[in-house]
Amino acid sequence: MTAPAVPSSFLVREVKAFGRSVHRVGVSASFGLEEAGIEAAFERGVQYVFWNPTARKLTAVLRRLGPSRREALVVATGPSFGFTAGSVRRRVERALRVLRSDYLDVLQLYWLGRMSAYRPAVLEAMLRLKEEGKVRVLGTSIHDRVRAGELARSGPLDLLMIRYNAAHPGAEQDIFPHLAPRQPAVVAYTATSWRRLLRKPRDWSGAVPSAGDCYRFCLSNPHVDIVLMGARNEGELDENLRALERGPLSEPEMQEMRAFGRAVHG
């Protein structure tokens, strides 16, 4: 029997911040994915890339892309420590040299409040880089959900990278209700809660979800635009993408996943 087609709105959607449709799965090469696996992800439609200069295999793949293939991607990065305007500009200019590119799609302040600061001078430097065409979208990654909700309501940041999974669903109360009317892009990471959601907790008698189920949980929420996948090899990449072809979680699956997340969270 032929499997039902996955709704295009589940795996591909129009993202206001990017001004175009994108695949809702993003890749990070921080977990050992080889160049062949990265290429396979791109061939299967993955567009969002979370990049840093130490990701040599990902860098090599990005350097080989022709202009049309590069334009199809959304490459996101940021300064390791964004406390000053100078550090932000230096990181962007270094990234452009390493990637041999004229622009970055997303410039984000890493771990706002811990490894970067939302200061007027820093913000001015980001806006200037955008005016110069060196970056296209400004964003941040942040653990403070209440502050993230505040940033969602007011500009100029148009992308929030947040922790969201079945064990940590607090964004549903603290962030998602504040996304309208600006509609900043939401990128979810730690979908497996650093693999804790792949292990059976004490006193749990039900089934243990797969990594694919964890990614389906994130994308089943209409407020999540992109979920970052940390596949370690091409086999995991294929398994996860196949799981996503099943579409959003059904209501019984969602209830089971939430119950499992509560058990994992303790």
Protein backbone atom coordinates (compact mmCIF):
# COMPACT_ATOMS: atom_id res chain seq x y z
CA MET A 1 0.00 0.00 0.00
CA THR A 2 1.32 3.43 -0.89
CA ALA A 3 1.94 5.68 2.09
CA PRO A 4 -0.18 8.82 2.21
CA ALA A 5 1.47 11.96 0.94
CA VAL A 6 2.85 14.27 3.59
CA PRO A 7 1.16 17.70 3.56
CA SER A 8 3.58 20.19 1.99
CA SER A 9 2.76 22.61 4.79
CA PHE A 10 4.30 20.18 7.29
CA LEU A 11 7.78 19.93 5.80
CA VAL A 12 7.87 23.14 3.74
CA ARG A 13 6.48 26.52 4.70
CA GLU A 14 6.68 30.20 3.93
CA VAL A 15 8.78 31.92 6.59
CA LYS A 16 8.19 35.66 6.80
CA ALA A 17 11.69 36.45 8.07
CA PHE A 18 13.29 34.74 5.06
CA GLY A 19 10.77 36.02 2.55
CA ARG A 20 10.39 32.58 0.97
CA SER A 21 9.45 28.98 1.50
CA VAL A 22 11.97 26.72 3.25
CA HIS A 23 12.23 23.12 4.34
CA ARG A 24 11.44 22.88 8.05
CA VAL A 25 14.43 20.69 8.93
CA GLY A 26 17.80 22.28 9.60
CA VAL A 27 21.17 20.59 9.99
CA SER A 28 23.99 21.20 12.40
CA ALA A 29 27.30 19.53 11.63
CA SER A 30 28.41 19.64 15.28
CA PHE A 31 27.65 15.95 15.83
CA GLY A 32 29.97 14.36 13.29
CA LEU A 33 27.91 14.25 10.10
CA GLU A 34 30.28 13.55 7.21
CA GLU A 35 30.41 15.52 3.97
CA ALA A 36 28.43 12.82 2.15
CA GLY A 37 25.70 13.07 4.77
CA ILE A 38 25.55 16.85 4.48
CA GLU A 39 25.31 16.58 0.71
CA ALA A 40 22.56 13.97 1.12
CA ALA A 41 20.62 16.35 3.36
CA PHE A 42 20.79 19.09 0.73
CA GLU A 43 19.76 16.67 -2.00
CA ARG A 44 16.66 15.78 0.04
CA GLY A 45 15.62 19.40 0.34
CA VAL A 46 17.14 20.51 3.63
CA GLN A 47 18.02 24.21 3.42
CA TYR A 48 18.66 25.61 6.89
CA VAL A 49 22.27 25.26 8.07
CA PHE A 50 23.59 26.10 11.53
CA TRP A 51 27.28 26.77 10.87
CA ASN A 52 30.41 27.67 12.79
CA PRO A 53 34.04 27.95 11.61
CA THR A 54 35.09 24.76 13.43
CA ALA A 55 32.67 22.68 11.31
CA ARG A 56 35.28 21.87 8.68
CA LYS A 57 33.26 19.24 6.81
CA LEU A 58 30.26 21.54 6.51
CA THR A 59 32.55 24.38 5.47
CA ALA A 60 34.05 22.24 2.71
CA VAL A 61 30.60 21.38 1.36
CA LEU A 62 29.40 24.99 1.45
CA ARG A 63 32.52 26.17 -0.38
CA ARG A 64 31.84 23.75 -3.23
CA LEU A 65 28.33 24.98 -3.89
CA GLY A 66 27.61 27.02 -6.96
CA PRO A 67 25.75 30.34 -6.67
CA SER A 68 22.28 28.87 -7.31
CA ARG A 69 22.66 26.08 -4.75
CA ARG A 70 24.09 28.51 -2.19
CA GLU A 71 21.19 30.89 -2.74
CA ALA A 72 18.75 28.07 -1.96
CA LEU A 73 20.23 27.64 1.53
CA VAL A 74 19.75 29.60 4.74
CA VAL A 75 23.13 29.74 6.50
CA ALA A 76 23.02 30.90 10.13
CA THR A 77 25.91 31.74 12.43
CA GLY A 78 26.98 34.21 15.08
CA PRO A 79 29.83 35.42 17.27
CA SER A 80 30.98 32.97 19.96
CA PHE A 81 31.00 35.92 22.36
CA GLY A 82 28.95 38.89 21.21
CA PHE A 83 29.53 41.43 23.95
CA THR A 84 30.95 44.21 21.78
CA ALA A 85 30.20 45.73 18.40
CA GLY A 86 33.73 44.94 17.24
CA SER A 87 33.47 41.26 18.07
CA VAL A 88 30.25 40.95 16.08
CA ARG A 89 31.69 42.63 13.00
CA ARG A 90 34.94 40.66 13.17
CA ARG A 91 33.05 37.37 13.39
CA VAL A 92 30.88 38.20 10.39
CA GLU A 93 33.79 39.30 8.25
CA ARG A 94 35.77 36.20 9.24
CA ALA A 95 32.80 33.98 8.41
CA LEU A 96 32.47 35.55 4.98
CA ARG A 97 36.15 34.92 4.29
CA VAL A 98 36.01 31.31 5.46
CA LEU A 99 32.86 30.56 3.47
CA ARG A 100 34.05 32.61 0.47
CA SER A 101 30.64 34.24 0.41
CA ASP A 102 29.33 37.78 0.09
CA TYR A 103 26.61 37.37 2.71
CA LEU A 104 25.21 35.37 5.63
CA ASP A 105 21.51 34.62 5.72
CA VAL A 106 21.23 34.83 9.51
CA LEU A 107 23.39 36.60 12.07
CA GLN A 108 22.40 35.69 15.60
CA LEU A 109 23.69 36.61 19.02
CA TYR A 110 24.60 33.35 20.73
CA TRP A 111 22.96 32.51 24.05
CA LEU A 112 21.75 36.02 24.79
CA GLY A 113 22.44 37.02 28.38
CA ARG A 114 25.24 34.49 28.77
CA MET A 115 27.59 34.62 25.80
CA SER A 116 26.31 37.82 24.21
CA ALA A 117 24.67 41.08 25.23
CA TYR A 118 21.79 43.02 23.69
CA ARG A 119 23.51 46.39 23.98
CA PRO A 120 22.81 49.45 21.81
CA ALA A 121 26.29 49.33 20.29
CA VAL A 122 25.99 45.62 19.48
CA LEU A 123 22.55 46.11 17.95
CA GLU A 124 23.79 49.08 15.93
CA ALA A 125 26.65 46.97 14.55
CA MET A 126 24.21 44.22 13.54
CA LEU A 127 21.92 46.71 11.82
CA ARG A 128 24.87 48.25 9.98
CA LEU A 129 25.97 44.84 8.72
CA LYS A 130 22.44 44.26 7.45
CA GLU A 131 22.42 47.64 5.70
CA GLU A 132 25.72 46.71 4.04
CA GLY A 133 24.17 43.49 2.70
CA LYS A 134 26.56 41.26 4.62
CA VAL A 135 23.72 39.68 6.59
CA ARG A 136 20.04 39.34 5.74
CA VAL A 137 18.26 38.40 8.99
CA LEU A 138 19.09 39.30 12.59
CA GLY A 139 18.31 36.92 15.42
CA THR A 140 19.44 35.35 18.66
CA SER A 141 19.57 32.08 20.54
CA ILE A 142 18.25 32.36 24.07
CA HIS A 143 17.40 30.26 27.12
CA ASP A 144 15.41 32.93 28.97
CA ARG A 145 11.92 32.21 27.70
CA VAL A 146 10.28 35.25 29.27
CA ARG A 147 12.83 37.55 27.68
CA ALA A 148 12.43 35.69 24.39
CA GLY A 149 8.72 36.45 24.54
CA GLU A 150 9.52 40.13 24.99
CA LEU A 151 11.93 40.09 22.04
CA ALA A 152 9.28 38.38 19.92
CA ARG A 153 6.90 41.29 20.47
CA SER A 154 9.32 44.05 19.45
CA GLY A 155 11.96 44.36 16.70
CA PRO A 156 14.40 44.33 15.17
CA LEU A 157 15.34 40.68 15.82
CA ASP A 158 13.44 38.47 13.39
CA LEU A 159 14.64 35.01 14.48
CA LEU A 160 14.62 33.21 17.82
CA MET A 161 16.52 29.97 18.35
CA ILE A 162 15.02 28.35 21.45
CA ARG A 163 15.02 25.11 23.41
CA TYR A 164 11.79 23.24 22.74
CA ASN A 165 10.98 19.57 23.17
CA ALA A 166 8.54 17.26 24.95
CA ALA A 167 10.48 17.55 28.22
CA HIS A 168 10.77 21.34 27.95
CA PRO A 169 7.54 22.66 26.39
CA GLY A 170 7.51 25.97 28.30
CA ALA A 171 7.82 28.00 25.09
CA GLU A 172 4.17 27.19 24.48
CA GLN A 173 3.26 29.55 27.34
CA ASP A 174 6.18 32.00 27.42
CA ILE A 175 7.06 32.58 23.76
CA PHE A 176 4.54 31.31 21.22
CA PRO A 177 1.62 33.51 22.37
CA HIS A 178 3.78 36.60 21.67
CA LEU A 179 4.84 35.83 18.10
CA ALA A 180 1.98 37.69 16.44
CA PRO A 181 1.86 40.14 14.74
CA ARG A 182 5.60 40.37 13.89
CA GLN A 183 5.98 36.63 13.27
CA PRO A 184 9.71 36.22 13.90
CA ALA A 185 11.10 32.89 12.74
CA VAL A 186 11.33 30.21 15.43
CA VAL A 187 14.14 27.65 15.27
CA ALA A 188 13.84 24.82 17.80
CA TYR A 189 16.89 22.92 19.01
CA THR A 190 17.53 20.09 21.52
CA ALA A 191 14.53 18.20 20.10
CA THR A 192 15.73 15.06 21.89
CA SER A 193 16.72 16.98 25.05
CA TRP A 194 20.35 15.94 24.49
CA ARG A 195 19.14 12.35 23.87
CA ARG A 196 17.36 12.10 27.23
CA LEU A 197 14.10 11.61 25.33
CA LEU A 198 15.58 8.53 23.69
CA ARG A 199 16.10 6.69 26.99
CA LYS A 200 13.49 5.00 29.16
CA PRO A 201 13.03 6.84 32.47
CA ARG A 202 12.44 5.03 35.74
CA ASP A 203 8.92 3.65 36.20
CA TRP A 204 7.97 4.28 32.56
CA SER A 205 6.09 1.29 31.13
CA GLY A 206 5.26 2.60 27.68
CA ALA A 207 7.23 2.82 24.45
CA VAL A 208 10.28 5.04 24.06
CA PRO A 209 10.09 7.52 21.15
CA SER A 210 12.58 7.64 18.34
CA ALA A 211 14.56 10.72 17.41
CA GLY A 212 12.22 11.10 14.45
CA ASP A 213 9.25 11.21 16.83
CA CYS A 214 10.99 14.01 18.75
CA TYR A 215 11.42 16.04 15.58
CA ARG A 216 7.80 15.36 14.64
CA PHE A 217 6.76 16.71 18.06
CA CYS A 218 8.53 20.00 17.40
CA LEU A 219 7.19 20.44 13.88
CA SER A 220 3.67 19.48 14.94
CA ASN A 221 3.55 22.85 16.67
CA PRO A 222 2.56 25.44 14.04
CA HIS A 223 4.68 28.11 15.73
CA VAL A 224 7.93 26.24 15.02
CA ASP A 225 9.37 27.08 11.61
CA ILE A 226 12.60 25.03 11.73
CA VAL A 227 13.84 22.18 13.90
CA LEU A 228 17.58 21.57 14.05
CA MET A 229 18.64 17.97 13.53
CA GLY A 230 21.85 16.67 15.10
CA ALA A 231 22.32 13.49 13.08
CA ARG A 232 25.65 11.80 13.72
CA ASN A 233 25.78 9.93 10.42
CA GLU A 234 23.94 9.48 7.16
CA GLY A 235 21.99 6.52 8.52
CA GLU A 236 20.51 8.62 11.33
CA LEU A 237 19.76 11.40 8.88
CA ASP A 238 17.84 9.02 6.63
CA GLU A 239 15.96 7.46 9.55
CA ASN A 240 14.90 10.85 10.90
CA LEU A 241 13.81 12.23 7.53
CA ARG A 242 11.80 9.08 6.85
CA ALA A 243 10.06 9.47 10.20
CA LEU A 244 9.12 13.03 9.31
CA GLU A 245 7.44 11.78 6.16
CA ARG A 246 4.73 10.44 8.48
CA GLY A 247 3.63 14.02 9.06
CA PRO A 248 2.52 15.60 12.35
CA LEU A 249 1.85 13.57 15.46
CA SER A 250 -1.70 12.32 15.84
CA GLU A 251 -3.57 13.37 18.98
CA PRO A 252 -2.90 10.01 20.74
CA GLU A 253 0.78 10.22 19.73
CA MET A 254 0.96 13.77 21.05
CA GLN A 255 -0.57 12.81 24.39
CA GLU A 256 1.86 9.89 24.72
CA MET A 257 4.82 12.11 23.83
CA ARG A 258 3.82 14.75 26.37
CA ALA A 259 3.41 12.12 29.08
CA PHE A 260 6.82 10.70 28.23
CA GLY A 261 8.33 14.19 28.32
CA ARG A 262 6.91 14.78 31.80
CA ALA A 263 8.38 11.48 32.97
CA VAL A 264 11.79 12.41 31.55
CA HIS A 265 11.67 15.87 33.09
CA GLY A 266 10.81 14.35 36.45
